Structure formats: structure tokens, C-alpha cells
Amino acid sequence: MTSLALVAGSLARYAMTHGTGFSVRGHAGLIFPLVLIWLAEELAEKAIDASGGWLTPSNADRIVRLVGWLWLIVMLLHRNRDLLP
């Protein structure tokens, strides 16, 4: 829910300044990190096989979710860099 709230807030703020269509197109790239966050367990199973052994069943879902969160935060900061000090 937190990830969706962050994206919705950024989308609304961007829409107010740049228009709705531009905001939706500009935030389309946020779908991938949301999928990583929301479907971490399912993606972790595939990541374990593809990792060559450094991901294990006990840490794979956490790492996939962490990558999703980091990607999401970096993209939101990039989209809203005028909010940074």
C-alpha cells in the first residue's frame, strides 16, 4: 500500500503541473518496480534459478523486494527532483 500511495502522490503532483497525459506517460516506467515489490515471492523462485546460486529461498524474496523499493525511490526522486533541497 505504501508503494502505491507514493506513486499515486507523485502522479497527482506531476499531473497538476504538467497535465494528466504527460503524467501518466512519465510514470509508466514505475510499473516494473511495483511488480518487483508486489510479486516478489513469485519472481524470487525464478531469480533463484537465474542467480547461479547466490540467491537462496530464504533471502530471494527480500532481495527482489529491496531492488524494487530502491528502483522505485530512485525513479520517484528523479521525477520529482525539484522537491530535493
N, C-alpha and C. Protein backbone atom coordinates (compact mmCIF):
# COMPACT_ATOMS: atom_id res chain seq x y z
N MET A 1 0.82 -1.19 0.00
CA MET A 1 0.00 0.00 0.00
C MET A 1 0.87 1.26 0.00
N THR A 2 1.99 1.21 0.69
CA THR A 2 2.87 2.37 0.74
C THR A 2 3.42 2.69 -0.65
N SER A 3 3.82 1.66 -1.39
CA SER A 3 4.37 1.90 -2.72
C SER A 3 3.32 2.52 -3.63
N LEU A 4 2.09 2.03 -3.56
CA LEU A 4 1.02 2.58 -4.37
C LEU A 4 0.71 4.03 -3.97
N ALA A 5 0.74 4.32 -2.69
CA ALA A 5 0.49 5.69 -2.22
C ALA A 5 1.58 6.64 -2.71
N LEU A 6 2.83 6.20 -2.68
CA LEU A 6 3.92 7.04 -3.18
C LEU A 6 3.76 7.35 -4.66
N VAL A 7 3.43 6.32 -5.44
CA VAL A 7 3.25 6.51 -6.87
C VAL A 7 2.04 7.39 -7.15
N ALA A 8 0.94 7.16 -6.46
CA ALA A 8 -0.26 7.97 -6.68
C ALA A 8 -0.01 9.43 -6.33
N GLY A 9 0.70 9.68 -5.25
CA GLY A 9 1.02 11.05 -4.87
C GLY A 9 1.89 11.74 -5.90
N SER A 10 2.89 11.03 -6.39
CA SER A 10 3.77 11.59 -7.40
C SER A 10 3.01 11.83 -8.70
N LEU A 11 2.16 10.89 -9.06
CA LEU A 11 1.35 11.02 -10.27
C LEU A 11 0.44 12.24 -10.18
N ALA A 12 -0.22 12.42 -9.05
CA ALA A 12 -1.12 13.56 -8.87
C ALA A 12 -0.36 14.88 -8.89
N ARG A 13 0.76 14.92 -8.22
CA ARG A 13 1.55 16.15 -8.18
C ARG A 13 2.06 16.51 -9.58
N TYR A 14 2.53 15.52 -10.29
CA TYR A 14 3.03 15.73 -11.65
C TYR A 14 1.89 16.16 -12.58
N ALA A 15 0.70 15.59 -12.40
CA ALA A 15 -0.45 15.93 -13.23
C ALA A 15 -0.87 17.38 -13.01
N MET A 16 -0.74 17.86 -11.80
CA MET A 16 -1.12 19.25 -11.51
C MET A 16 -0.20 20.24 -12.22
N THR A 17 1.06 19.89 -12.39
CA THR A 17 2.00 20.82 -13.00
C THR A 17 2.18 20.61 -14.50
N HIS A 18 2.06 19.35 -14.98
CA HIS A 18 2.37 19.05 -16.38
C HIS A 18 1.19 18.52 -17.19
N GLY A 19 0.08 18.24 -16.57
CA GLY A 19 -1.07 17.68 -17.27
C GLY A 19 -1.18 16.18 -17.05
N THR A 20 -2.38 15.67 -17.16
CA THR A 20 -2.63 14.26 -16.85
C THR A 20 -1.96 13.31 -17.83
N GLY A 21 -2.08 13.57 -19.11
CA GLY A 21 -1.49 12.67 -20.11
C GLY A 21 0.01 12.56 -19.98
N PHE A 22 0.67 13.69 -19.80
CA PHE A 22 2.12 13.67 -19.64
C PHE A 22 2.52 12.96 -18.36
N SER A 23 1.72 13.14 -17.32
CA SER A 23 2.00 12.49 -16.04
C SER A 23 1.90 10.98 -16.15
N VAL A 24 0.87 10.49 -16.81
CA VAL A 24 0.70 9.04 -16.96
C VAL A 24 1.83 8.46 -17.79
N ARG A 25 2.17 9.12 -18.90
CA ARG A 25 3.28 8.63 -19.73
C ARG A 25 4.60 8.70 -18.97
N GLY A 26 4.79 9.74 -18.19
CA GLY A 26 6.04 9.90 -17.45
C GLY A 26 6.21 8.90 -16.32
N HIS A 27 5.10 8.38 -15.82
CA HIS A 27 5.16 7.44 -14.70
C HIS A 27 4.95 5.99 -15.13
N ALA A 28 4.84 5.73 -16.42
CA ALA A 28 4.63 4.35 -16.89
C ALA A 28 5.80 3.44 -16.50
N GLY A 29 6.98 3.99 -16.41
CA GLY A 29 8.15 3.20 -16.02
C GLY A 29 8.12 2.72 -14.58
N LEU A 30 7.21 3.24 -13.79
CA LEU A 30 7.11 2.82 -12.39
C LEU A 30 6.38 1.48 -12.24
N ILE A 31 5.83 0.98 -13.31
CA ILE A 31 5.13 -0.30 -13.24
C ILE A 31 6.09 -1.42 -12.88
N PHE A 32 7.28 -1.41 -13.45
CA PHE A 32 8.23 -2.50 -13.20
C PHE A 32 8.65 -2.60 -11.73
N PRO A 33 9.06 -1.50 -11.07
CA PRO A 33 9.41 -1.65 -9.66
C PRO A 33 8.21 -2.05 -8.79
N LEU A 34 7.00 -1.61 -9.16
CA LEU A 34 5.82 -2.03 -8.41
C LEU A 34 5.60 -3.53 -8.54
N VAL A 35 5.83 -4.07 -9.72
CA VAL A 35 5.72 -5.52 -9.92
C VAL A 35 6.75 -6.24 -9.07
N LEU A 36 7.97 -5.71 -9.01
CA LEU A 36 9.00 -6.33 -8.16
C LEU A 36 8.59 -6.34 -6.70
N ILE A 37 7.96 -5.28 -6.24
CA ILE A 37 7.56 -5.19 -4.84
C ILE A 37 6.37 -6.11 -4.57
N TRP A 38 5.36 -6.04 -5.41
CA TRP A 38 4.11 -6.76 -5.16
C TRP A 38 4.20 -8.25 -5.43
N LEU A 39 5.03 -8.65 -6.39
CA LEU A 39 5.12 -10.07 -6.76
C LEU A 39 6.48 -10.66 -6.44
N ALA A 40 7.08 -10.22 -5.35
CA ALA A 40 8.44 -10.64 -5.00
C ALA A 40 8.55 -12.15 -4.79
N GLU A 41 7.55 -12.76 -4.17
CA GLU A 41 7.63 -14.20 -3.90
C GLU A 41 7.64 -15.01 -5.19
N GLU A 42 6.77 -14.66 -6.13
CA GLU A 42 6.71 -15.39 -7.39
C GLU A 42 7.97 -15.17 -8.22
N LEU A 43 8.47 -13.93 -8.24
CA LEU A 43 9.67 -13.64 -9.01
C LEU A 43 10.92 -14.22 -8.37
N ALA A 44 10.91 -14.38 -7.06
CA ALA A 44 12.07 -14.92 -6.35
C ALA A 44 12.36 -16.35 -6.78
N GLU A 45 11.32 -17.13 -7.04
CA GLU A 45 11.52 -18.50 -7.49
C GLU A 45 12.31 -18.54 -8.78
N LYS A 46 11.98 -17.65 -9.71
CA LYS A 46 12.71 -17.60 -10.98
C LYS A 46 14.10 -17.00 -10.79
N ALA A 47 14.23 -16.05 -9.88
CA ALA A 47 15.53 -15.41 -9.64
C ALA A 47 16.53 -16.38 -9.02
N ILE A 48 16.05 -17.30 -8.20
CA ILE A 48 16.95 -18.29 -7.59
C ILE A 48 17.62 -19.11 -8.68
N ASP A 49 16.85 -19.56 -9.65
CA ASP A 49 17.41 -20.36 -10.74
C ASP A 49 18.38 -19.55 -11.59
N ALA A 50 18.05 -18.28 -11.84
CA ALA A 50 18.87 -17.45 -12.71
C ALA A 50 20.10 -16.87 -12.02
N SER A 51 20.15 -16.92 -10.70
CA SER A 51 21.24 -16.24 -9.97
C SER A 51 22.54 -17.03 -9.95
N GLY A 52 22.49 -18.27 -10.26
CA GLY A 52 23.71 -19.07 -10.20
C GLY A 52 24.07 -19.51 -8.80
N GLY A 53 23.12 -19.44 -7.87
CA GLY A 53 23.34 -19.96 -6.54
C GLY A 53 23.52 -18.94 -5.44
N TRP A 54 23.69 -17.66 -5.76
CA TRP A 54 23.90 -16.70 -4.68
C TRP A 54 22.60 -16.25 -4.04
N LEU A 55 21.47 -16.50 -4.67
CA LEU A 55 20.17 -16.29 -4.03
C LEU A 55 19.68 -17.62 -3.48
N THR A 56 19.14 -17.59 -2.30
CA THR A 56 18.59 -18.79 -1.68
C THR A 56 17.11 -18.58 -1.41
N PRO A 57 16.36 -19.65 -1.15
CA PRO A 57 14.94 -19.48 -0.85
C PRO A 57 14.67 -18.59 0.37
N SER A 58 15.63 -18.50 1.27
CA SER A 58 15.41 -17.68 2.46
C SER A 58 15.64 -16.19 2.24
N ASN A 59 16.42 -15.81 1.21
CA ASN A 59 16.70 -14.39 1.02
C ASN A 59 16.23 -13.83 -0.31
N ALA A 60 15.80 -14.65 -1.23
CA ALA A 60 15.49 -14.19 -2.59
C ALA A 60 14.34 -13.19 -2.62
N ASP A 61 13.26 -13.48 -1.93
CA ASP A 61 12.11 -12.56 -1.99
C ASP A 61 12.44 -11.21 -1.36
N ARG A 62 13.23 -11.21 -0.29
CA ARG A 62 13.62 -9.94 0.32
C ARG A 62 14.51 -9.12 -0.60
N ILE A 63 15.41 -9.78 -1.30
CA ILE A 63 16.31 -9.06 -2.21
C ILE A 63 15.54 -8.52 -3.41
N VAL A 64 14.63 -9.31 -3.96
CA VAL A 64 13.81 -8.83 -5.08
C VAL A 64 12.98 -7.63 -4.65
N ARG A 65 12.37 -7.70 -3.48
CA ARG A 65 11.57 -6.59 -2.97
C ARG A 65 12.45 -5.36 -2.70
N LEU A 66 13.63 -5.56 -2.15
CA LEU A 66 14.55 -4.45 -1.89
C LEU A 66 14.96 -3.76 -3.19
N VAL A 67 15.27 -4.54 -4.21
CA VAL A 67 15.61 -3.96 -5.51
C VAL A 67 14.44 -3.14 -6.05
N GLY A 68 13.23 -3.66 -5.90
CA GLY A 68 12.05 -2.93 -6.34
C GLY A 68 11.89 -1.61 -5.61
N TRP A 69 12.08 -1.63 -4.29
CA TRP A 69 11.96 -0.40 -3.49
C TRP A 69 13.03 0.61 -3.86
N LEU A 70 14.27 0.15 -4.02
CA LEU A 70 15.35 1.07 -4.39
C LEU A 70 15.09 1.69 -5.76
N TRP A 71 14.67 0.86 -6.71
CA TRP A 71 14.37 1.35 -8.05
C TRP A 71 13.23 2.38 -8.00
N LEU A 72 12.18 2.07 -7.24
CA LEU A 72 11.04 2.96 -7.13
C LEU A 72 11.45 4.30 -6.51
N ILE A 73 12.22 4.29 -5.45
CA ILE A 73 12.64 5.52 -4.78
C ILE A 73 13.52 6.36 -5.69
N VAL A 74 14.45 5.73 -6.37
CA VAL A 74 15.33 6.47 -7.28
C VAL A 74 14.52 7.10 -8.41
N MET A 75 13.59 6.36 -8.97
CA MET A 75 12.77 6.91 -10.05
C MET A 75 11.87 8.04 -9.57
N LEU A 76 11.28 7.90 -8.39
CA LEU A 76 10.44 8.97 -7.86
C LEU A 76 11.27 10.22 -7.54
N LEU A 77 12.46 10.04 -7.01
CA LEU A 77 13.32 11.19 -6.75
C LEU A 77 13.73 11.86 -8.06
N HIS A 78 13.97 11.06 -9.07
CA HIS A 78 14.33 11.62 -10.37
C HIS A 78 13.15 12.39 -10.97
N ARG A 79 11.95 11.85 -10.87
CA ARG A 79 10.76 12.51 -11.41
C ARG A 79 10.42 13.79 -10.65
N ASN A 80 10.73 13.82 -9.37
CA ASN A 80 10.38 14.95 -8.53
C ASN A 80 11.62 15.64 -7.96
N ARG A 81 12.66 15.75 -8.76
CA ARG A 81 13.91 16.29 -8.26
C ARG A 81 13.81 17.74 -7.83
N ASP A 82 12.79 18.44 -8.27
CA ASP A 82 12.63 19.83 -7.82
C ASP A 82 12.21 19.91 -6.36
N LEU A 83 11.80 18.76 -5.76
CA LEU A 83 11.45 18.73 -4.35
C LEU A 83 12.68 18.58 -3.46
N LEU A 84 13.79 18.17 -4.05
CA LEU A 84 15.01 17.95 -3.27
C LEU A 84 15.61 19.30 -2.88
N PRO A 85 16.27 19.34 -1.73
CA PRO A 85 16.89 20.60 -1.29
C PRO A 85 18.06 21.00 -2.16
